[in-house]
PDB file of N, CA and C in Angstrom:
ATOM      1  N   MET A   1       0.885  -1.434   0.030  1.00  0.00           N
ATOM      2  CA  MET A   1      -0.050  -0.119  -0.179  1.00  0.00           C
ATOM      3  C   MET A   1       0.755   1.045  -0.110  1.00  0.00           C
ATOM      4  N   LYS A   2       2.022   1.180   0.505  1.00  0.00           N
ATOM      5  CA  LYS A   2       2.767   2.088   0.661  1.00  0.00           C
ATOM      6  C   LYS A   2       3.553   2.645  -0.628  1.00  0.00           C
ATOM      7  N   LYS A   3       4.050   1.512  -1.371  1.00  0.00           N
ATOM      8  CA  LYS A   3       4.313   1.854  -2.575  1.00  0.00           C
ATOM      9  C   LYS A   3       3.318   2.325  -3.764  1.00  0.00           C
ATOM     10  N   LEU A   4       2.076   2.266  -3.794  1.00  0.00           N
ATOM     11  CA  LEU A   4       1.148   2.571  -4.362  1.00  0.00           C
ATOM     12  C   LEU A   4       0.974   3.875  -4.147  1.00  0.00           C
ATOM     13  N   ILE A   5       0.641   4.336  -2.791  1.00  0.00           N
ATOM     14  CA  ILE A   5       0.808   5.882  -2.217  1.00  0.00           C
ATOM     15  C   ILE A   5       2.041   6.633  -2.829  1.00  0.00           C
ATOM     16  N   PHE A   6       3.068   6.410  -2.858  1.00  0.00           N
ATOM     17  CA  PHE A   6       4.537   6.994  -3.149  1.00  0.00           C
ATOM     18  C   PHE A   6       4.635   6.920  -4.519  1.00  0.00           C
ATOM     19  N   SER A   7       3.807   5.875  -5.110  1.00  0.00           N
ATOM     20  CA  SER A   7       3.903   5.986  -6.760  1.00  0.00           C
ATOM     21  C   SER A   7       3.103   7.138  -7.288  1.00  0.00           C
ATOM     22  N   ALA A   8       1.784   7.081  -6.765  1.00  0.00           N
ATOM     23  CA  ALA A   8       0.896   8.360  -6.947  1.00  0.00           C
ATOM     24  C   ALA A   8       1.216   9.664  -6.826  1.00  0.00           C
ATOM     25  N   ILE A   9       2.156   9.852  -5.389  1.00  0.00           N
ATOM     26  CA  ILE A   9       2.645  11.245  -4.825  1.00  0.00           C
ATOM     27  C   ILE A   9       3.733  11.345  -6.227  1.00  0.00           C
ATOM     28  N   ILE A  10       4.491  10.544  -6.523  1.00  0.00           N
ATOM     29  CA  ILE A  10       5.416  10.651  -7.306  1.00  0.00           C
ATOM     30  C   ILE A  10       5.132  11.460  -8.640  1.00  0.00           C
ATOM     31  N   GLY A  11       4.090  10.791  -9.311  1.00  0.00           N
ATOM     32  CA  GLY A  11       3.654  10.984 -10.618  1.00  0.00           C
ATOM     33  C   GLY A  11       2.775  12.248 -10.360  1.00  0.00           C
ATOM     34  N   ALA A  12       2.188  12.720  -9.453  1.00  0.00           N
ATOM     35  CA  ALA A  12       1.678  13.769  -8.977  1.00  0.00           C
ATOM     36  C   ALA A  12       2.433  14.972  -9.206  1.00  0.00           C
ATOM     37  N   VAL A  13       3.857  14.787  -8.516  1.00  0.00           N
ATOM     38  CA  VAL A  13       4.979  15.888  -8.377  1.00  0.00           C
ATOM     39  C   VAL A  13       5.152  16.125  -9.870  1.00  0.00           C
ATOM     40  N   ILE A  14       5.453  14.890 -10.742  1.00  0.00           N
ATOM     41  CA  ILE A  14       6.140  15.035 -11.866  1.00  0.00           C
ATOM     42  C   ILE A  14       5.441  15.700 -12.740  1.00  0.00           C
ATOM     43  N   PHE A  15       4.359  14.865 -13.072  1.00  0.00           N
ATOM     44  CA  PHE A  15       3.208  15.708 -14.149  1.00  0.00           C
ATOM     45  C   PHE A  15       2.688  16.834 -13.417  1.00  0.00           C
ATOM     46  N   GLY A  16       2.680  17.315 -12.212  1.00  0.00           N
ATOM     47  CA  GLY A  16       2.088  18.833 -11.796  1.00  0.00           C
ATOM     48  C   GLY A  16       2.823  19.814 -12.402  1.00  0.00           C
ATOM     49  N   SER A  17       4.463  19.428 -11.913  1.00  0.00           N
ATOM     50  CA  SER A  17       5.392  20.522 -12.309  1.00  0.00           C
ATOM     51  C   SER A  17       5.462  20.707 -13.878  1.00  0.00           C
ATOM     52  N   ILE A  18       5.438  19.704 -14.582  1.00  0.00           N
ATOM     53  CA  ILE A  18       5.462  19.927 -15.828  1.00  0.00           C
ATOM     54  C   ILE A  18       3.935  20.627 -16.255  1.00  0.00           C
ATOM     55  N   GLY A  19       2.765  20.235 -16.007  1.00  0.00           N
ATOM     56  CA  GLY A  19       1.629  20.822 -16.258  1.00  0.00           C
ATOM     57  C   GLY A  19       1.553  22.465 -15.984  1.00  0.00           C
ATOM     58  N   PHE A  20       2.087  22.599 -14.929  1.00  0.00           N
ATOM     59  CA  PHE A  20       1.991  23.989 -14.605  1.00  0.00           C
ATOM     60  C   PHE A  20       3.094  24.813 -15.093  1.00  0.00           C
ATOM     61  N   LEU A  21       4.230  24.172 -15.620  1.00  0.00           N
ATOM     62  CA  LEU A  21       5.246  25.118 -16.339  1.00  0.00           C
ATOM     63  C   LEU A  21       4.866  25.262 -17.915  1.00  0.00           C
ATOM     64  N   THR A  22       4.076  24.486 -18.218  1.00  0.00           N
ATOM     65  CA  THR A  22       3.803  24.405 -19.902  1.00  0.00           C
ATOM     66  C   THR A  22       2.528  25.607 -19.813  1.00  0.00           C
ATOM     67  N   PHE A  23       1.456  25.319 -18.921  1.00  0.00           N
ATOM     68  CA  PHE A  23       0.709  26.328 -19.066  1.00  0.00           C
ATOM     69  C   PHE A  23       0.781  27.863 -18.388  1.00  0.00           C
ATOM     70  N   VAL A  24       1.752  27.850 -17.737  1.00  0.00           N
ATOM     71  CA  VAL A  24       2.010  29.217 -17.298  1.00  0.00           C
ATOM     72  C   VAL A  24       2.543  30.057 -18.554  1.00  0.00           C
ATOM     73  N   GLY A  25       3.309  29.087 -19.079  1.00  0.00           N
ATOM     74  CA  GLY A  25       3.824  29.558 -20.803  1.00  0.00           C
ATOM     75  C   GLY A  25       2.841  29.828 -21.644  1.00  0.00           C
ATOM     76  N   TYR A  26       1.902  29.303 -21.509  1.00  0.00           N
ATOM     77  CA  TYR A  26       0.702  29.128 -22.579  1.00  0.00           C
ATOM     78  C   TYR A  26       0.112  30.682 -21.979  1.00  0.00           C
ATOM     79  N   GLY A  27      -0.097  30.617 -20.966  1.00  0.00           N
ATOM     80  CA  GLY A  27      -0.997  31.892 -20.469  1.00  0.00           C
ATOM     81  C   GLY A  27      -0.316  33.027 -20.761  1.00  0.00           C
ATOM     82  N   ALA A  28       1.068  33.189 -20.296  1.00  0.00           N
ATOM     83  CA  ALA A  28       1.972  34.539 -20.265  1.00  0.00           C
ATOM     84  C   ALA A  28       1.811  34.718 -21.920  1.00  0.00           C
ATOM     85  N   GLY A  29       2.025  33.897 -22.917  1.00  0.00           N
ATOM     86  CA  GLY A  29       2.216  34.095 -24.483  1.00  0.00           C
ATOM     87  C   GLY A  29       0.850  34.374 -24.908  1.00  0.00           C
ATOM     88  N   ASN A  30      -0.249  33.872 -24.600  1.00  0.00           N
ATOM     89  CA  ASN A  30      -1.286  34.134 -25.537  1.00  0.00           C
ATOM     90  C   ASN A  30      -2.544  35.224 -24.642  1.00  0.00           C
ATOM     91  N   CYS A  31      -2.446  35.208 -23.567  1.00  0.00           N
ATOM     92  CA  CYS A  31      -3.393  35.812 -22.614  1.00  0.00           C
ATOM     93  C   CYS A  31      -2.943  37.385 -22.322  1.00  0.00           C
ATOM     94  N   ASP A  32      -1.477  37.949 -21.926  1.00  0.00           N
ATOM     95  CA  ASP A  32      -1.261  39.032 -21.449  1.00  0.00           C
ATOM     96  C   ASP A  32      -0.711  39.801 -22.554  1.00  0.00           C
ATOM     97  N   VAL A  33      -0.643  39.673 -23.835  1.00  0.00           N
ATOM     98  CA  VAL A  33      -0.621  40.036 -24.807  1.00  0.00           C
ATOM     99  C   VAL A  33      -1.027  41.507 -24.876  1.00  0.00           C
ATOM    100  N   PRO A  34      -0.534  42.727 -24.805  1.00  0.00           N
ATOM    101  CA  PRO A  34      -1.171  43.867 -24.888  1.00  0.00           C
ATOM    102  C   PRO A  34      -1.959  44.126 -26.152  1.00  0.00           C
ATOM    103  N   GLY A  35      -3.211  44.337 -26.206  1.00  0.00           N
ATOM    104  CA  GLY A  35      -3.995  44.558 -27.433  1.00  0.00           C
ATOM    105  C   GLY A  35      -4.904  43.463 -27.628  1.00  0.00           C
ATOM    106  N   LYS A  36      -4.422  42.450 -27.147  1.00  0.00           N
ATOM    107  CA  LYS A  36      -5.448  41.010 -27.163  1.00  0.00           C
ATOM    108  C   LYS A  36      -6.680  40.804 -26.323  1.00  0.00           C
ATOM    109  N   ALA A  37      -7.417  40.530 -26.347  1.00  0.00           N
ATOM    110  CA  ALA A  37      -8.459  39.804 -25.296  1.00  0.00           C
ATOM    111  C   ALA A  37      -8.141  38.544 -24.744  1.00  0.00           C
ATOM    112  N   CYS A  38      -8.286  38.537 -23.437  1.00  0.00           N
ATOM    113  CA  CYS A  38      -8.100  37.012 -22.760  1.00  0.00           C
ATOM    114  C   CYS A  38      -9.315  36.361 -23.055  1.00  0.00           C
ATOM    115  N   ASP A  39      -9.318  35.669 -24.139  1.00  0.00           N
ATOM    116  CA  ASP A  39     -10.629  34.652 -24.129  1.00  0.00           C
ATOM    117  C   ASP A  39     -10.622  32.938 -24.090  1.00  0.00           C
ATOM    118  N   CYS A  40      -8.918  32.968 -23.288  1.00  0.00           N
ATOM    119  CA  CYS A  40      -8.634  31.623 -23.259  1.00  0.00           C
ATOM    120  C   CYS A  40      -9.709  30.930 -22.281  1.00  0.00           C
ATOM    121  N   PHE A  41      -9.705  29.532 -22.242  1.00  0.00           N
ATOM    122  CA  PHE A  41     -10.773  28.684 -21.415  1.00  0.00           C
ATOM    123  C   PHE A  41     -10.128  29.067 -19.793  1.00  0.00           C
ATOM    124  N   CYS A  42      -8.892  29.485 -19.581  1.00  0.00           N
ATOM    125  CA  CYS A  42      -8.248  29.036 -18.438  1.00  0.00           C
ATOM    126  C   CYS A  42      -9.009  30.562 -17.412  1.00  0.00           C
ATOM    127  N   CYS A  43      -8.806  31.664 -18.368  1.00  0.00           N
ATOM    128  CA  CYS A  43      -9.050  33.120 -17.713  1.00  0.00           C
ATOM    129  C   CYS A  43     -10.596  32.776 -17.055  1.00  0.00           C
ATOM    130  N   HIS A  44     -11.429  32.149 -18.474  1.00  0.00           N
ATOM    131  CA  HIS A  44     -12.889  32.201 -17.451  1.00  0.00           C
ATOM    132  C   HIS A  44     -13.309  31.192 -16.676  1.00  0.00           C
ATOM    133  N   MET A  45     -12.556  30.226 -16.320  1.00  0.00           N
ATOM    134  CA  MET A  45     -12.671  29.262 -15.668  1.00  0.00           C
ATOM    135  C   MET A  45     -12.074  29.738 -13.903  1.00  0.00           C
ATOM    136  N   PHE A  46     -11.321  30.482 -13.716  1.00  0.00           N
ATOM    137  CA  PHE A  46     -10.372  30.708 -12.707  1.00  0.00           C
ATOM    138  C   PHE A  46     -10.914  32.290 -12.364  1.00  0.00           C
ATOM    139  N   GLY A  47     -11.277  33.087 -13.379  1.00  0.00           N
ATOM    140  CA  GLY A  47     -11.492  34.545 -12.822  1.00  0.00           C
ATOM    141  C   GLY A  47     -10.473  35.385 -12.999  1.00  0.00           C
ATOM    142  N   LEU A  48      -9.017  34.737 -13.189  1.00  0.00           N
ATOM    143  CA  LEU A  48      -8.153  35.583 -13.234  1.00  0.00           C
ATOM    144  C   LEU A  48      -7.363  35.731 -14.780  1.00  0.00           C
ATOM    145  N   ARG A  49      -6.533  36.308 -14.977  1.00  0.00           N
ATOM    146  CA  ARG A  49      -5.704  36.622 -16.231  1.00  0.00           C
ATOM    147  C   ARG A  49      -4.306  35.894 -16.437  1.00  0.00           C
ATOM    148  N   GLY A  50      -4.024  35.497 -17.846  1.00  0.00           N
ATOM    149  CA  GLY A  50      -2.664  34.969 -18.329  1.00  0.00           C
ATOM    150  C   GLY A  50      -2.319  33.750 -17.469  1.00  0.00           C
ATOM    151  N   TYR A  51      -1.033  34.187 -17.033  1.00  0.00           N
ATOM    152  CA  TYR A  51      -0.246  32.916 -16.567  1.00  0.00           C
ATOM    153  C   TYR A  51      -0.925  32.419 -14.957  1.00  0.00           C
ATOM    154  N   GLU A  52      -1.640  33.285 -14.420  1.00  0.00           N
ATOM    155  CA  GLU A  52      -1.945  32.770 -12.952  1.00  0.00           C
ATOM    156  C   GLU A  52      -3.298  31.864 -12.955  1.00  0.00           C
ATOM    157  N   SER A  53      -4.317  32.354 -14.148  1.00  0.00           N
ATOM    158  CA  SER A  53      -4.964  31.284 -14.380  1.00  0.00           C
ATOM    159  C   SER A  53      -4.542  29.871 -15.109  1.00  0.00           C
ATOM    160  N   CYS A  54      -3.851  30.133 -16.111  1.00  0.00           N
ATOM    161  CA  CYS A  54      -3.467  29.040 -16.575  1.00  0.00           C
ATOM    162  C   CYS A  54      -2.594  28.006 -16.113  1.00  0.00           C
ATOM    163  N   GLY A  55      -1.692  28.973 -14.922  1.00  0.00           N
ATOM    164  CA  GLY A  55      -0.836  28.062 -14.366  1.00  0.00           C
ATOM    165  C   GLY A  55      -1.690  27.048 -13.132  1.00  0.00           C
ATOM    166  N   ASP A  56      -2.551  27.888 -12.469  1.00  0.00           N
ATOM    167  CA  ASP A  56      -3.579  26.859 -11.871  1.00  0.00           C
ATOM    168  C   ASP A  56      -4.137  25.846 -12.435  1.00  0.00           C
ATOM    169  N   PHE A  57      -4.525  26.067 -13.503  1.00  0.00           N
ATOM    170  CA  PHE A  57      -5.480  24.755 -14.299  1.00  0.00           C
ATOM    171  C   PHE A  57      -4.333  23.715 -14.901  1.00  0.00           C
ATOM    172  N   GLY A  58      -3.060  24.135 -15.312  1.00  0.00           N
ATOM    173  CA  GLY A  58      -1.797  23.164 -15.668  1.00  0.00           C
ATOM    174  C   GLY A  58      -1.554  22.562 -14.180  1.00  0.00           C
ATOM    175  N   LEU A  59      -1.500  23.007 -13.226  1.00  0.00           N
ATOM    176  CA  LEU A  59      -1.238  22.241 -12.090  1.00  0.00           C
ATOM    177  C   LEU A  59      -2.375  21.008 -11.767  1.00  0.00           C
ATOM    178  N   LEU A  60      -3.212  21.644 -11.854  1.00  0.00           N
ATOM    179  CA  LEU A  60      -4.768  20.622 -11.576  1.00  0.00           C
ATOM    180  C   LEU A  60      -4.810  19.440 -12.509  1.00  0.00           C
ATOM    181  N   ILE A  61      -4.648  19.748 -13.751  1.00  0.00           N
ATOM    182  CA  ILE A  61      -4.643  18.581 -14.337  1.00  0.00           C
ATOM    183  C   ILE A  61      -3.338  17.959 -14.474  1.00  0.00           C
ATOM    184  N   GLY A  62      -2.314  18.268 -14.288  1.00  0.00           N
ATOM    185  CA  GLY A  62      -0.974  17.707 -13.962  1.00  0.00           C
ATOM    186  C   GLY A  62      -1.188  16.653 -12.648  1.00  0.00           C
ATOM    187  N   ILE A  63      -1.495  17.389 -11.882  1.00  0.00           N
ATOM    188  CA  ILE A  63      -1.760  16.614 -10.673  1.00  0.00           C
ATOM    189  C   ILE A  63      -2.627  15.296 -10.716  1.00  0.00           C
ATOM    190  N   VAL A  64      -3.781  15.441 -11.391  1.00  0.00           N
ATOM    191  CA  VAL A  64      -4.741  14.386 -11.369  1.00  0.00           C
ATOM    192  C   VAL A  64      -4.150  13.226 -12.232  1.00  0.00           C
ATOM    193  N   SER A  65      -3.721  13.765 -13.738  1.00  0.00           N
ATOM    194  CA  SER A  65      -3.005  12.855 -14.653  1.00  0.00           C
ATOM    195  C   SER A  65      -1.908  12.179 -14.366  1.00  0.00           C
ATOM    196  N   GLY A  66      -0.867  12.837 -13.180  1.00  0.00           N
ATOM    197  CA  GLY A  66       0.001  12.096 -12.587  1.00  0.00           C
ATOM    198  C   GLY A  66      -0.299  11.053 -11.535  1.00  0.00           C
ATOM    199  N   ILE A  67      -1.322  11.294 -10.870  1.00  0.00           N
ATOM    200  CA  ILE A  67      -2.120  10.195 -10.073  1.00  0.00           C
ATOM    201  C   ILE A  67      -2.178   9.015 -10.926  1.00  0.00           C
ATOM    202  N   VAL A  68      -2.747   9.369 -11.928  1.00  0.00           N
ATOM    203  CA  VAL A  68      -3.163   8.149 -12.577  1.00  0.00           C
ATOM    204  C   VAL A  68      -2.128   7.340 -13.183  1.00  0.00           C
ATOM    205  N   VAL A  69      -1.579   8.131 -13.532  1.00  0.00           N
ATOM    206  CA  VAL A  69      -0.252   7.604 -14.050  1.00  0.00           C
ATOM    207  C   VAL A  69       0.545   6.574 -13.387  1.00  0.00           C
ATOM    208  N   GLY A  70       0.946   7.322 -12.217  1.00  0.00           N
ATOM    209  CA  GLY A  70       1.365   6.802 -11.003  1.00  0.00           C
ATOM    210  C   GLY A  70       0.898   5.280 -10.557  1.00  0.00           C
ATOM    211  N   ILE A  71      -0.563   5.264 -10.472  1.00  0.00           N
ATOM    212  CA  ILE A  71      -0.854   3.978  -9.911  1.00  0.00           C
ATOM    213  C   ILE A  71      -0.963   3.201 -11.101  1.00  0.00           C
ATOM    214  N   PHE A  72      -1.127   3.523 -12.511  1.00  0.00           N
ATOM    215  CA  PHE A  72      -1.191   2.326 -13.717  1.00  0.00           C
ATOM    216  C   PHE A  72       0.287   1.957 -13.767  1.00  0.00           C
ATOM    217  N   CYS A  73       1.294   2.752 -13.504  1.00  0.00           N
ATOM    218  CA  CYS A  73       2.679   2.289 -13.502  1.00  0.00           C
ATOM    219  C   CYS A  73       2.936   1.321 -12.347  1.00  0.00           C
ATOM    220  N   TYR A  74       2.318   1.611 -11.264  1.00  0.00           N
ATOM    221  CA  TYR A  74       2.501   0.566 -10.092  1.00  0.00           C
ATOM    222  C   TYR A  74       1.632  -0.738 -10.201  1.00  0.00           C
ATOM    223  N   ARG A  75       0.660  -0.371 -11.138  1.00  0.00           N
ATOM    224  CA  ARG A  75      -0.153  -1.988 -11.238  1.00  0.00           C
ATOM    225  C   ARG A  75       0.690  -2.749 -12.389  1.00  0.00           C
ATOM    226  N   ILE A  76       1.275  -1.707 -13.378  1.00  0.00           N
ATOM    227  CA  ILE A  76       1.951  -2.640 -14.228  1.00  0.00           C
ATOM    228  C   ILE A  76       3.387  -3.503 -13.775  1.00  0.00           C
ATOM    229  N   ALA A  77       4.287  -2.321 -12.740  1.00  0.00           N
ATOM    230  CA  ALA A  77       5.591  -3.051 -12.519  1.00  0.00           C
ATOM    231  C   ALA A  77       5.376  -4.173 -11.363  1.00  0.00           C
ATOM    232  N   TRP A  78       4.176  -4.223 -10.314  1.00  0.00           N
ATOM    233  CA  TRP A  78       3.931  -5.052  -9.366  1.00  0.00           C
ATOM    234  C   TRP A  78       2.772  -6.113  -9.627  1.00  0.00           C
ATOM    235  N   ASN A  79       2.617  -6.122 -11.075  1.00  0.00           N
ATOM    236  CA  ASN A  79       1.322  -7.441 -11.178  1.00  0.00           C
ATOM    237  C   ASN A  79       0.115  -7.268 -10.327  1.00  0.00           C
ATOM    238  N   ARG A  80      -0.568  -5.928 -10.012  1.00  0.00           N
ATOM    239  CA  ARG A  80      -1.553  -6.306  -9.057  1.00  0.00           C
ATOM    240  C   ARG A  80      -2.669  -5.621  -9.447  1.00  0.00           C
TER     241      ARG A  80
END
């Protein structure tokens, strides 16, 4: 059981970091450009602008997908 939880935590940390950094770049490059309206889905979801809202979204998506991948890898590695 401890290995399962450890796998899920490691997956969440890795994928959460990747998702956060990816979406921060997306939000800063697409939403906070002067003269452009912020019409991306992240801005409407969290009510913030640019890298703040997209970074939060990427972190949440990364954590959830990392937990799923971590559990999947645990099941494959130990055949349980």
